Amino acid sequence: MKLTDYQAIFASNVALLIQHIEDMGYRCTLGEAWRTKEMAEIYAKKGIGIKDSLHIKRLAIDINLFKDGVFLEDGEAHKQFGEWWEKLHPFNRWGGRFSDGNHYEMREAIQI
């Protein structure tokens, strides 16, 4: 498969995730989905990201989660959605597994 194939699957999965979040009585807004290589390098130097971020390949997104109008900053609030996300596709990985609770990615496609 080509990178664009993975990106299309990822985009469809994100749409399903957003719908699932809404179905469970939560709301969300989109955080960073695409990041330039230069920005990834800046973030890595600041210790708030990695140089080879999947955001560069459009295979990662940060989602801001809300319940009853309250922004849920704690990554633990994403746990039920992260676990659901990982079951949606075998390449999906939730950032809560590595202390970035609002991060959702398609990990295996990094080999592309």
PDB file of N, CA and C in Angstrom:
ATOM      1  N   MET A   1       0.839  -1.191   0.000  1.00  0.00           N
ATOM      2  CA  MET A   1       0.000   0.000   0.000  1.00  0.00           C
ATOM      3  C   MET A   1       0.877   1.245   0.000  1.00  0.00           C
ATOM      4  N   LYS A   2       0.330   2.313  -0.568  1.00  0.00           N
ATOM      5  CA  LYS A   2       1.027   3.590  -0.602  1.00  0.00           C
ATOM      6  C   LYS A   2       0.643   4.421   0.617  1.00  0.00           C
ATOM      7  N   LEU A   3       1.447   5.434   0.883  1.00  0.00           N
ATOM      8  CA  LEU A   3       1.168   6.330   2.001  1.00  0.00           C
ATOM      9  C   LEU A   3      -0.237   6.919   1.900  1.00  0.00           C
ATOM     10  N   THR A   4      -0.645   7.293   0.697  1.00  0.00           N
ATOM     11  CA  THR A   4      -1.986   7.877   0.544  1.00  0.00           C
ATOM     12  C   THR A   4      -3.088   6.889   0.911  1.00  0.00           C
ATOM     13  N   ASP A   5      -2.849   5.603   0.716  1.00  0.00           N
ATOM     14  CA  ASP A   5      -3.831   4.591   1.123  1.00  0.00           C
ATOM     15  C   ASP A   5      -3.985   4.588   2.643  1.00  0.00           C
ATOM     16  N   TYR A   6      -2.846   4.627   3.351  1.00  0.00           N
ATOM     17  CA  TYR A   6      -2.897   4.677   4.815  1.00  0.00           C
ATOM     18  C   TYR A   6      -3.541   5.975   5.293  1.00  0.00           C
ATOM     19  N   GLN A   7      -3.215   7.078   4.641  1.00  0.00           N
ATOM     20  CA  GLN A   7      -3.803   8.363   5.026  1.00  0.00           C
ATOM     21  C   GLN A   7      -5.328   8.344   4.865  1.00  0.00           C
ATOM     22  N   ALA A   8      -5.805   7.719   3.813  1.00  0.00           N
ATOM     23  CA  ALA A   8      -7.258   7.638   3.592  1.00  0.00           C
ATOM     24  C   ALA A   8      -7.922   6.776   4.661  1.00  0.00           C
ATOM     25  N   ILE A   9      -7.308   5.654   4.997  1.00  0.00           N
ATOM     26  CA  ILE A   9      -7.851   4.802   6.061  1.00  0.00           C
ATOM     27  C   ILE A   9      -7.843   5.558   7.377  1.00  0.00           C
ATOM     28  N   PHE A  10      -6.736   6.239   7.663  1.00  0.00           N
ATOM     29  CA  PHE A  10      -6.624   7.011   8.891  1.00  0.00           C
ATOM     30  C   PHE A  10      -7.712   8.077   8.967  1.00  0.00           C
ATOM     31  N   ALA A  11      -7.918   8.825   7.883  1.00  0.00           N
ATOM     32  CA  ALA A  11      -8.943   9.875   7.868  1.00  0.00           C
ATOM     33  C   ALA A  11     -10.336   9.289   8.120  1.00  0.00           C
ATOM     34  N   SER A  12     -10.632   8.161   7.505  1.00  0.00           N
ATOM     35  CA  SER A  12     -11.924   7.510   7.732  1.00  0.00           C
ATOM     36  C   SER A  12     -12.066   7.060   9.180  1.00  0.00           C
ATOM     37  N   ASN A  13     -10.985   6.531   9.739  1.00  0.00           N
ATOM     38  CA  ASN A  13     -11.012   6.101  11.139  1.00  0.00           C
ATOM     39  C   ASN A  13     -11.218   7.281  12.076  1.00  0.00           C
ATOM     40  N   VAL A  14     -10.599   8.417  11.772  1.00  0.00           N
ATOM     41  CA  VAL A  14     -10.789   9.613  12.603  1.00  0.00           C
ATOM     42  C   VAL A  14     -12.253  10.045  12.560  1.00  0.00           C
ATOM     43  N   ALA A  15     -12.868   9.983  11.380  1.00  0.00           N
ATOM     44  CA  ALA A  15     -14.289  10.336  11.273  1.00  0.00           C
ATOM     45  C   ALA A  15     -15.139   9.414  12.155  1.00  0.00           C
ATOM     46  N   LEU A  16     -14.827   8.124  12.134  1.00  0.00           N
ATOM     47  CA  LEU A  16     -15.561   7.170  12.977  1.00  0.00           C
ATOM     48  C   LEU A  16     -15.329   7.453  14.459  1.00  0.00           C
ATOM     49  N   LEU A  17     -14.097   7.804  14.806  1.00  0.00           N
ATOM     50  CA  LEU A  17     -13.776   8.127  16.199  1.00  0.00           C
ATOM     51  C   LEU A  17     -14.561   9.347  16.668  1.00  0.00           C
ATOM     52  N   ILE A  18     -14.596  10.366  15.862  1.00  0.00           N
ATOM     53  CA  ILE A  18     -15.334  11.580  16.225  1.00  0.00           C
ATOM     54  C   ILE A  18     -16.811  11.261  16.413  1.00  0.00           C
ATOM     55  N   GLN A  19     -17.375  10.460  15.533  1.00  0.00           N
ATOM     56  CA  GLN A  19     -18.784  10.080  15.666  1.00  0.00           C
ATOM     57  C   GLN A  19     -19.000   9.271  16.941  1.00  0.00           C
ATOM     58  N   HIS A  20     -18.080   8.379  17.251  1.00  0.00           N
ATOM     59  CA  HIS A  20     -18.176   7.572  18.471  1.00  0.00           C
ATOM     60  C   HIS A  20     -18.122   8.464  19.711  1.00  0.00           C
ATOM     61  N   ILE A  21     -17.225   9.424  19.709  1.00  0.00           N
ATOM     62  CA  ILE A  21     -17.125  10.370  20.821  1.00  0.00           C
ATOM     63  C   ILE A  21     -18.455  11.073  21.026  1.00  0.00           C
ATOM     64  N   GLU A  22     -19.055  11.550  19.938  1.00  0.00           N
ATOM     65  CA  GLU A  22     -20.356  12.234  20.015  1.00  0.00           C
ATOM     66  C   GLU A  22     -21.452  11.276  20.501  1.00  0.00           C
ATOM     67  N   ASP A  23     -21.434  10.053  19.993  1.00  0.00           N
ATOM     68  CA  ASP A  23     -22.440   9.058  20.392  1.00  0.00           C
ATOM     69  C   ASP A  23     -22.380   8.745  21.889  1.00  0.00           C
ATOM     70  N   MET A  24     -21.202   8.883  22.479  1.00  0.00           N
ATOM     71  CA  MET A  24     -21.018   8.596  23.907  1.00  0.00           C
ATOM     72  C   MET A  24     -21.314   9.815  24.786  1.00  0.00           C
ATOM     73  N   GLY A  25     -21.824  10.894  24.182  1.00  0.00           N
ATOM     74  CA  GLY A  25     -22.220  12.064  24.955  1.00  0.00           C
ATOM     75  C   GLY A  25     -21.116  13.080  25.204  1.00  0.00           C
ATOM     76  N   TYR A  26     -20.021  12.957  24.499  1.00  0.00           N
ATOM     77  CA  TYR A  26     -18.914  13.893  24.597  1.00  0.00           C
ATOM     78  C   TYR A  26     -18.895  14.759  23.342  1.00  0.00           C
ATOM     79  N   ARG A  27     -18.087  15.792  23.376  1.00  0.00           N
ATOM     80  CA  ARG A  27     -17.842  16.609  22.189  1.00  0.00           C
ATOM     81  C   ARG A  27     -16.337  16.710  22.013  1.00  0.00           C
ATOM     82  N   CYS A  28     -15.916  17.078  20.829  1.00  0.00           N
ATOM     83  CA  CYS A  28     -14.484  17.239  20.612  1.00  0.00           C
ATOM     84  C   CYS A  28     -14.225  18.335  19.595  1.00  0.00           C
ATOM     85  N   THR A  29     -13.014  18.835  19.666  1.00  0.00           N
ATOM     86  CA  THR A  29     -12.504  19.733  18.632  1.00  0.00           C
ATOM     87  C   THR A  29     -11.182  19.146  18.161  1.00  0.00           C
ATOM     88  N   LEU A  30     -10.756  19.573  17.002  1.00  0.00           N
ATOM     89  CA  LEU A  30      -9.533  19.032  16.438  1.00  0.00           C
ATOM     90  C   LEU A  30      -8.329  19.823  16.901  1.00  0.00           C
ATOM     91  N   GLY A  31      -7.314  19.108  17.320  1.00  0.00           N
ATOM     92  CA  GLY A  31      -6.028  19.705  17.620  1.00  0.00           C
ATOM     93  C   GLY A  31      -5.146  19.560  16.392  1.00  0.00           C
ATOM     94  N   GLU A  32      -3.875  19.455  16.606  1.00  0.00           N
ATOM     95  CA  GLU A  32      -2.931  19.381  15.492  1.00  0.00           C
ATOM     96  C   GLU A  32      -3.066  18.050  14.754  1.00  0.00           C
ATOM     97  N   ALA A  33      -3.214  18.155  13.431  1.00  0.00           N
ATOM     98  CA  ALA A  33      -3.291  16.959  12.601  1.00  0.00           C
ATOM     99  C   ALA A  33      -2.082  16.870  11.671  1.00  0.00           C
ATOM    100  N   TRP A  34      -1.648  17.994  11.131  1.00  0.00           N
ATOM    101  CA  TRP A  34      -0.487  17.989  10.249  1.00  0.00           C
ATOM    102  C   TRP A  34       0.585  18.892  10.837  1.00  0.00           C
ATOM    103  N   ARG A  35       1.791  18.459  10.737  1.00  0.00           N
ATOM    104  CA  ARG A  35       2.928  19.200  11.280  1.00  0.00           C
ATOM    105  C   ARG A  35       4.051  19.158  10.247  1.00  0.00           C
ATOM    106  N   THR A  36       4.671  20.303  10.010  1.00  0.00           N
ATOM    107  CA  THR A  36       5.805  20.316   9.097  1.00  0.00           C
ATOM    108  C   THR A  36       6.998  19.630   9.753  1.00  0.00           C
ATOM    109  N   LYS A  37       7.920  19.192   8.932  1.00  0.00           N
ATOM    110  CA  LYS A  37       9.138  18.561   9.448  1.00  0.00           C
ATOM    111  C   LYS A  37       9.905  19.560  10.316  1.00  0.00           C
ATOM    112  N   GLU A  38       9.924  20.809   9.894  1.00  0.00           N
ATOM    113  CA  GLU A  38      10.629  21.839  10.658  1.00  0.00           C
ATOM    114  C   GLU A  38      10.006  22.030  12.042  1.00  0.00           C
ATOM    115  N   MET A  39       8.676  22.042  12.100  1.00  0.00           N
ATOM    116  CA  MET A  39       7.992  22.204  13.384  1.00  0.00           C
ATOM    117  C   MET A  39       8.235  20.993  14.274  1.00  0.00           C
ATOM    118  N   ALA A  40       8.256  19.808  13.683  1.00  0.00           N
ATOM    119  CA  ALA A  40       8.532  18.597  14.458  1.00  0.00           C
ATOM    120  C   ALA A  40       9.926  18.671  15.075  1.00  0.00           C
ATOM    121  N   GLU A  41      10.873  19.193  14.341  1.00  0.00           N
ATOM    122  CA  GLU A  41      12.232  19.331  14.867  1.00  0.00           C
ATOM    123  C   GLU A  41      12.271  20.351  16.009  1.00  0.00           C
ATOM    124  N   ILE A  42      11.532  21.438  15.877  1.00  0.00           N
ATOM    125  CA  ILE A  42      11.454  22.444  16.943  1.00  0.00           C
ATOM    126  C   ILE A  42      10.839  21.827  18.192  1.00  0.00           C
ATOM    127  N   TYR A  43       9.715  21.110  18.026  1.00  0.00           N
ATOM    128  CA  TYR A  43       9.056  20.458  19.160  1.00  0.00           C
ATOM    129  C   TYR A  43       9.998  19.454  19.840  1.00  0.00           C
ATOM    130  N   ALA A  44      10.735  18.693  19.026  1.00  0.00           N
ATOM    131  CA  ALA A  44      11.650  17.693  19.579  1.00  0.00           C
ATOM    132  C   ALA A  44      12.728  18.365  20.435  1.00  0.00           C
ATOM    133  N   LYS A  45      13.253  19.484  19.954  1.00  0.00           N
ATOM    134  CA  LYS A  45      14.270  20.211  20.718  1.00  0.00           C
ATOM    135  C   LYS A  45      13.710  20.746  22.030  1.00  0.00           C
ATOM    136  N   LYS A  46      12.418  21.078  22.042  1.00  0.00           N
ATOM    137  CA  LYS A  46      11.771  21.574  23.261  1.00  0.00           C
ATOM    138  C   LYS A  46      11.312  20.437  24.167  1.00  0.00           C
ATOM    139  N   GLY A  47      11.405  19.203  23.677  1.00  0.00           N
ATOM    140  CA  GLY A  47      10.986  18.049  24.470  1.00  0.00           C
ATOM    141  C   GLY A  47       9.481  17.842  24.514  1.00  0.00           C
ATOM    142  N   ILE A  48       8.759  18.405  23.536  1.00  0.00           N
ATOM    143  CA  ILE A  48       7.297  18.258  23.512  1.00  0.00           C
ATOM    144  C   ILE A  48       6.810  17.489  22.290  1.00  0.00           C
ATOM    145  N   GLY A  49       7.701  16.779  21.670  1.00  0.00           N
ATOM    146  CA  GLY A  49       7.349  15.982  20.503  1.00  0.00           C
ATOM    147  C   GLY A  49       8.570  15.209  20.048  1.00  0.00           C
ATOM    148  N   ILE A  50       8.414  14.515  18.931  1.00  0.00           N
ATOM    149  CA  ILE A  50       9.540  13.770  18.377  1.00  0.00           C
ATOM    150  C   ILE A  50       9.810  14.227  16.956  1.00  0.00           C
ATOM    151  N   LYS A  51      11.049  14.099  16.543  1.00  0.00           N
ATOM    152  CA  LYS A  51      11.468  14.564  15.218  1.00  0.00           C
ATOM    153  C   LYS A  51      10.756  13.824  14.088  1.00  0.00           C
ATOM    154  N   ASP A  52      10.506  12.541  14.268  1.00  0.00           N
ATOM    155  CA  ASP A  52       9.875  11.724  13.231  1.00  0.00           C
ATOM    156  C   ASP A  52       8.390  11.519  13.497  1.00  0.00           C
ATOM    157  N   SER A  53       7.724  12.563  13.906  1.00  0.00           N
ATOM    158  CA  SER A  53       6.304  12.500  14.252  1.00  0.00           C
ATOM    159  C   SER A  53       5.452  12.011  13.082  1.00  0.00           C
ATOM    160  N   LEU A  54       4.452  11.208  13.404  1.00  0.00           N
ATOM    161  CA  LEU A  54       3.509  10.764  12.374  1.00  0.00           C
ATOM    162  C   LEU A  54       2.599  11.896  11.910  1.00  0.00           C
ATOM    163  N   HIS A  55       2.582  12.996  12.642  1.00  0.00           N
ATOM    164  CA  HIS A  55       1.844  14.176  12.167  1.00  0.00           C
ATOM    165  C   HIS A  55       2.417  14.641  10.823  1.00  0.00           C
ATOM    166  N   ILE A  56       3.719  14.461  10.613  1.00  0.00           N
ATOM    167  CA  ILE A  56       4.363  14.866   9.358  1.00  0.00           C
ATOM    168  C   ILE A  56       3.754  14.102   8.184  1.00  0.00           C
ATOM    169  N   LYS A  57       3.434  12.839   8.410  1.00  0.00           N
ATOM    170  CA  LYS A  57       2.880  11.993   7.343  1.00  0.00           C
ATOM    171  C   LYS A  57       1.356  12.015   7.296  1.00  0.00           C
ATOM    172  N   ARG A  58       0.761  12.884   8.083  1.00  0.00           N
ATOM    173  CA  ARG A  58      -0.703  12.987   8.169  1.00  0.00           C
ATOM    174  C   ARG A  58      -1.327  11.673   8.645  1.00  0.00           C
ATOM    175  N   LEU A  59      -0.649  11.055   9.616  1.00  0.00           N
ATOM    176  CA  LEU A  59      -1.122   9.795  10.196  1.00  0.00           C
ATOM    177  C   LEU A  59      -1.290   9.916  11.702  1.00  0.00           C
ATOM    178  N   ALA A  60      -1.478  11.147  12.178  1.00  0.00           N
ATOM    179  CA  ALA A  60      -1.701  11.377  13.603  1.00  0.00           C
ATOM    180  C   ALA A  60      -2.556  12.626  13.778  1.00  0.00           C
ATOM    181  N   ILE A  61      -3.307  12.631  14.865  1.00  0.00           N
ATOM    182  CA  ILE A  61      -4.145  13.784  15.197  1.00  0.00           C
ATOM    183  C   ILE A  61      -4.260  13.886  16.719  1.00  0.00           C
ATOM    184  N   ASP A  62      -4.334  15.114  17.185  1.00  0.00           N
ATOM    185  CA  ASP A  62      -4.609  15.372  18.592  1.00  0.00           C
ATOM    186  C   ASP A  62      -6.054  15.847  18.678  1.00  0.00           C
ATOM    187  N   ILE A  63      -6.799  15.282  19.608  1.00  0.00           N
ATOM    188  CA  ILE A  63      -8.215  15.605  19.755  1.00  0.00           C
ATOM    189  C   ILE A  63      -8.459  16.193  21.138  1.00  0.00           C
ATOM    190  N   ASN A  64      -9.171  17.311  21.157  1.00  0.00           N
ATOM    191  CA  ASN A  64      -9.541  17.969  22.411  1.00  0.00           C
ATOM    192  C   ASN A  64     -10.921  17.468  22.816  1.00  0.00           C
ATOM    193  N   LEU A  65     -11.024  16.921  24.004  1.00  0.00           N
ATOM    194  CA  LEU A  65     -12.236  16.256  24.479  1.00  0.00           C
ATOM    195  C   LEU A  65     -12.973  17.127  25.497  1.00  0.00           C
ATOM    196  N   PHE A  66     -14.304  17.163  25.367  1.00  0.00           N
ATOM    197  CA  PHE A  66     -15.152  17.955  26.256  1.00  0.00           C
ATOM    198  C   PHE A  66     -16.324  17.111  26.746  1.00  0.00           C
ATOM    199  N   LYS A  67     -16.740  17.362  27.976  1.00  0.00           N
ATOM    200  CA  LYS A  67     -17.945  16.734  28.538  1.00  0.00           C
ATOM    201  C   LYS A  67     -18.718  17.820  29.262  1.00  0.00           C
ATOM    202  N   ASP A  68     -19.979  17.999  28.882  1.00  0.00           N
ATOM    203  CA  ASP A  68     -20.834  19.025  29.475  1.00  0.00           C
ATOM    204  C   ASP A  68     -20.172  20.398  29.422  1.00  0.00           C
ATOM    205  N   GLY A  69     -19.495  20.677  28.315  1.00  0.00           N
ATOM    206  CA  GLY A  69     -18.864  21.972  28.115  1.00  0.00           C
ATOM    207  C   GLY A  69     -17.533  22.154  28.809  1.00  0.00           C
ATOM    208  N   VAL A  70     -17.058  21.137  29.513  1.00  0.00           N
ATOM    209  CA  VAL A  70     -15.794  21.232  30.249  1.00  0.00           C
ATOM    210  C   VAL A  70     -14.695  20.511  29.460  1.00  0.00           C
ATOM    211  N   PHE A  71     -13.591  21.223  29.239  1.00  0.00           N
ATOM    212  CA  PHE A  71     -12.439  20.642  28.562  1.00  0.00           C
ATOM    213  C   PHE A  71     -11.775  19.626  29.477  1.00  0.00           C
ATOM    214  N   LEU A  72     -11.627  18.407  28.992  1.00  0.00           N
ATOM    215  CA  LEU A  72     -11.034  17.322  29.782  1.00  0.00           C
ATOM    216  C   LEU A  72      -9.553  17.218  29.420  1.00  0.00           C
ATOM    217  N   GLU A  73      -8.728  17.879  30.206  1.00  0.00           N
ATOM    218  CA  GLU A  73      -7.290  17.941  29.921  1.00  0.00           C
ATOM    219  C   GLU A  73      -6.565  16.650  30.257  1.00  0.00           C
ATOM    220  N   ASP A  74      -7.074  15.902  31.206  1.00  0.00           N
ATOM    221  CA  ASP A  74      -6.433  14.669  31.640  1.00  0.00           C
ATOM    222  C   ASP A  74      -6.553  13.604  30.556  1.00  0.00           C
ATOM    223  N   GLY A  75      -5.420  13.034  30.172  1.00  0.00           N
ATOM    224  CA  GLY A  75      -5.424  11.992  29.149  1.00  0.00           C
ATOM    225  C   GLY A  75      -6.260  10.781  29.528  1.00  0.00           C
ATOM    226  N   GLU A  76      -6.466  10.573  30.823  1.00  0.00           N
ATOM    227  CA  GLU A  76      -7.269   9.439  31.288  1.00  0.00           C
ATOM    228  C   GLU A  76      -8.696   9.519  30.749  1.00  0.00           C
ATOM    229  N   ALA A  77      -9.181  10.721  30.523  1.00  0.00           N
ATOM    230  CA  ALA A  77     -10.529  10.905  29.981  1.00  0.00           C
ATOM    231  C   ALA A  77     -10.646  10.309  28.577  1.00  0.00           C
ATOM    232  N   HIS A  78      -9.528  10.198  27.901  1.00  0.00           N
ATOM    233  CA  HIS A  78      -9.512   9.648  26.538  1.00  0.00           C
ATOM    234  C   HIS A  78      -9.426   8.124  26.523  1.00  0.00           C
ATOM    235  N   LYS A  79      -9.201   7.516  27.664  1.00  0.00           N
ATOM    236  CA  LYS A  79      -8.902   6.076  27.700  1.00  0.00           C
ATOM    237  C   LYS A  79      -9.940   5.232  26.969  1.00  0.00           C
ATOM    238  N   GLN A  80     -11.229   5.455  27.258  1.00  0.00           N
ATOM    239  CA  GLN A  80     -12.251   4.634  26.601  1.00  0.00           C
ATOM    240  C   GLN A  80     -12.220   4.817  25.086  1.00  0.00           C
ATOM    241  N   PHE A  81     -11.891   6.027  24.638  1.00  0.00           N
ATOM    242  CA  PHE A  81     -11.838   6.291  23.202  1.00  0.00           C
ATOM    243  C   PHE A  81     -10.548   5.764  22.586  1.00  0.00           C
ATOM    244  N   GLY A  82      -9.461   5.836  23.353  1.00  0.00           N
ATOM    245  CA  GLY A  82      -8.195   5.292  22.889  1.00  0.00           C
ATOM    246  C   GLY A  82      -8.264   3.787  22.703  1.00  0.00           C
ATOM    247  N   GLU A  83      -8.885   3.116  23.644  1.00  0.00           N
ATOM    248  CA  GLU A  83      -9.028   1.662  23.531  1.00  0.00           C
ATOM    249  C   GLU A  83      -9.945   1.297  22.365  1.00  0.00           C
ATOM    250  N   TRP A  84     -11.003   2.072  22.170  1.00  0.00           N
ATOM    251  CA  TRP A  84     -11.901   1.847  21.037  1.00  0.00           C
ATOM    252  C   TRP A  84     -11.150   2.077  19.732  1.00  0.00           C
ATOM    253  N   TRP A  85     -10.354   3.130  19.679  1.00  0.00           N
ATOM    254  CA  TRP A  85      -9.552   3.475  18.508  1.00  0.00           C
ATOM    255  C   TRP A  85      -8.621   2.325  18.115  1.00  0.00           C
ATOM    256  N   GLU A  86      -7.994   1.730  19.098  1.00  0.00           N
ATOM    257  CA  GLU A  86      -7.060   0.643  18.813  1.00  0.00           C
ATOM    258  C   GLU A  86      -7.764  -0.604  18.285  1.00  0.00           C
ATOM    259  N   LYS A  87      -9.013  -0.782  18.635  1.00  0.00           N
ATOM    260  CA  LYS A  87      -9.776  -1.927  18.132  1.00  0.00           C
ATOM    261  C   LYS A  87     -10.312  -1.678  16.720  1.00  0.00           C
ATOM    262  N   LEU A  88     -10.362  -0.425  16.329  1.00  0.00           N
ATOM    263  CA  LEU A  88     -10.912  -0.050  15.022  1.00  0.00           C
ATOM    264  C   LEU A  88     -10.037  -0.533  13.874  1.00  0.00           C
ATOM    265  N   HIS A  89      -8.729  -0.532  14.062  1.00  0.00           N
ATOM    266  CA  HIS A  89      -7.813  -0.967  13.005  1.00  0.00           C
ATOM    267  C   HIS A  89      -6.538  -1.492  13.670  1.00  0.00           C
ATOM    268  N   PRO A  90      -5.955  -2.554  13.154  1.00  0.00           N
ATOM    269  CA  PRO A  90      -4.774  -3.128  13.812  1.00  0.00           C
ATOM    270  C   PRO A  90      -3.554  -2.205  13.845  1.00  0.00           C
ATOM    271  N   PHE A  91      -3.501  -1.193  12.991  1.00  0.00           N
ATOM    272  CA  PHE A  91      -2.372  -0.263  12.980  1.00  0.00           C
ATOM    273  C   PHE A  91      -2.608   0.959  13.865  1.00  0.00           C
ATOM    274  N   ASN A  92      -3.815   1.116  14.377  1.00  0.00           N
ATOM    275  CA  ASN A  92      -4.111   2.287  15.209  1.00  0.00           C
ATOM    276  C   ASN A  92      -3.465   2.151  16.580  1.00  0.00           C
ATOM    277  N   ARG A  93      -2.963   3.266  17.070  1.00  0.00           N
ATOM    278  CA  ARG A  93      -2.337   3.304  18.395  1.00  0.00           C
ATOM    279  C   ARG A  93      -2.765   4.588  19.094  1.00  0.00           C
ATOM    280  N   TRP A  94      -3.089   4.439  20.360  1.00  0.00           N
ATOM    281  CA  TRP A  94      -3.516   5.585  21.171  1.00  0.00           C
ATOM    282  C   TRP A  94      -2.325   6.114  21.963  1.00  0.00           C
ATOM    283  N   GLY A  95      -2.189   7.433  21.981  1.00  0.00           N
ATOM    284  CA  GLY A  95      -1.077   8.078  22.666  1.00  0.00           C
ATOM    285  C   GLY A  95      -1.055   7.911  24.165  1.00  0.00           C
ATOM    286  N   GLY A  96      -2.154   7.538  24.761  1.00  0.00           N
ATOM    287  CA  GLY A  96      -2.182   7.299  26.199  1.00  0.00           C
ATOM    288  C   GLY A  96      -1.275   6.153  26.617  1.00  0.00           C
ATOM    289  N   ARG A  97      -0.890   5.340  25.662  1.00  0.00           N
ATOM    290  CA  ARG A  97       0.045   4.240  25.951  1.00  0.00           C
ATOM    291  C   ARG A  97       1.458   4.777  26.194  1.00  0.00           C
ATOM    292  N   PHE A  98       1.695   6.038  25.747  1.00  0.00           N
ATOM    293  CA  PHE A  98       3.018   6.640  25.951  1.00  0.00           C
ATOM    294  C   PHE A  98       2.897   8.085  26.432  1.00  0.00           C
ATOM    295  N   SER A  99       1.942   8.325  27.316  1.00  0.00           N
ATOM    296  CA  SER A  99       1.732   9.597  28.031  1.00  0.00           C
ATOM    297  C   SER A  99       1.345  10.786  27.162  1.00  0.00           C
ATOM    298  N   ASP A 100       0.579  10.565  26.103  1.00  0.00           N
ATOM    299  CA  ASP A 100       0.051  11.646  25.269  1.00  0.00           C
ATOM    300  C   ASP A 100      -1.418  11.318  24.994  1.00  0.00           C
ATOM    301  N   GLY A 101      -2.235  11.447  26.023  1.00  0.00           N
ATOM    302  CA  GLY A 101      -3.600  10.931  26.021  1.00  0.00           C
ATOM    303  C   GLY A 101      -4.532  11.426  24.944  1.00  0.00           C
ATOM    304  N   ASN A 102      -4.299  12.611  24.379  1.00  0.00           N
ATOM    305  CA  ASN A 102      -5.216  13.119  23.357  1.00  0.00           C
ATOM    306  C   ASN A 102      -4.716  12.840  21.940  1.00  0.00           C
ATOM    307  N   HIS A 103      -3.726  11.982  21.809  1.00  0.00           N
ATOM    308  CA  HIS A 103      -3.073  11.691  20.530  1.00  0.00           C
ATOM    309  C   HIS A 103      -3.550  10.341  19.989  1.00  0.00           C
ATOM    310  N   TYR A 104      -3.901  10.337  18.707  1.00  0.00           N
ATOM    311  CA  TYR A 104      -4.362   9.131  18.014  1.00  0.00           C
ATOM    312  C   TYR A 104      -3.550   9.019  16.727  1.00  0.00           C
ATOM    313  N   GLU A 105      -3.047   7.801  16.441  1.00  0.00           N
ATOM    314  CA  GLU A 105      -2.196   7.648  15.268  1.00  0.00           C
ATOM    315  C   GLU A 105      -2.376   6.291  14.612  1.00  0.00           C
ATOM    316  N   MET A 106      -1.851   6.200  13.390  1.00  0.00           N
ATOM    317  CA  MET A 106      -1.772   4.936  12.669  1.00  0.00           C
ATOM    318  C   MET A 106      -0.286   4.580  12.625  1.00  0.00           C
ATOM    319  N   ARG A 107       0.142   3.779  13.564  1.00  0.00           N
ATOM    320  CA  ARG A 107       1.555   3.566  13.867  1.00  0.00           C
ATOM    321  C   ARG A 107       2.322   2.723  12.854  1.00  0.00           C
ATOM    322  N   GLU A 108       1.828   1.582  12.464  1.00  0.00           N
ATOM    323  CA  GLU A 108       2.595   0.675  11.625  1.00  0.00           C
ATOM    324  C   GLU A 108       2.935   1.274  10.264  1.00  0.00           C
ATOM    325  N   ALA A 109       2.147   2.214   9.842  1.00  0.00           N
ATOM    326  CA  ALA A 109       2.384   2.835   8.544  1.00  0.00           C
ATOM    327  C   ALA A 109       3.667   3.657   8.537  1.00  0.00           C
ATOM    328  N   ILE A 110       4.298   3.822   9.680  1.00  0.00           N
ATOM    329  CA  ILE A 110       5.553   4.565   9.760  1.00  0.00           C
ATOM    330  C   ILE A 110       6.631   3.912   8.889  1.00  0.00           C
ATOM    331  N   GLN A 111       6.483   2.647   8.589  1.00  0.00           N
ATOM    332  CA  GLN A 111       7.453   1.920   7.772  1.00  0.00           C
ATOM    333  C   GLN A 111       7.432   2.372   6.307  1.00  0.00           C
ATOM    334  N   ILE A 112       6.443   3.143   5.954  1.00  0.00           N
ATOM    335  CA  ILE A 112       6.280   3.585   4.556  1.00  0.00           C
ATOM    336  C   ILE A 112       7.312   4.636   4.228  1.00  0.00           C
TER     337      ILE A 112
END
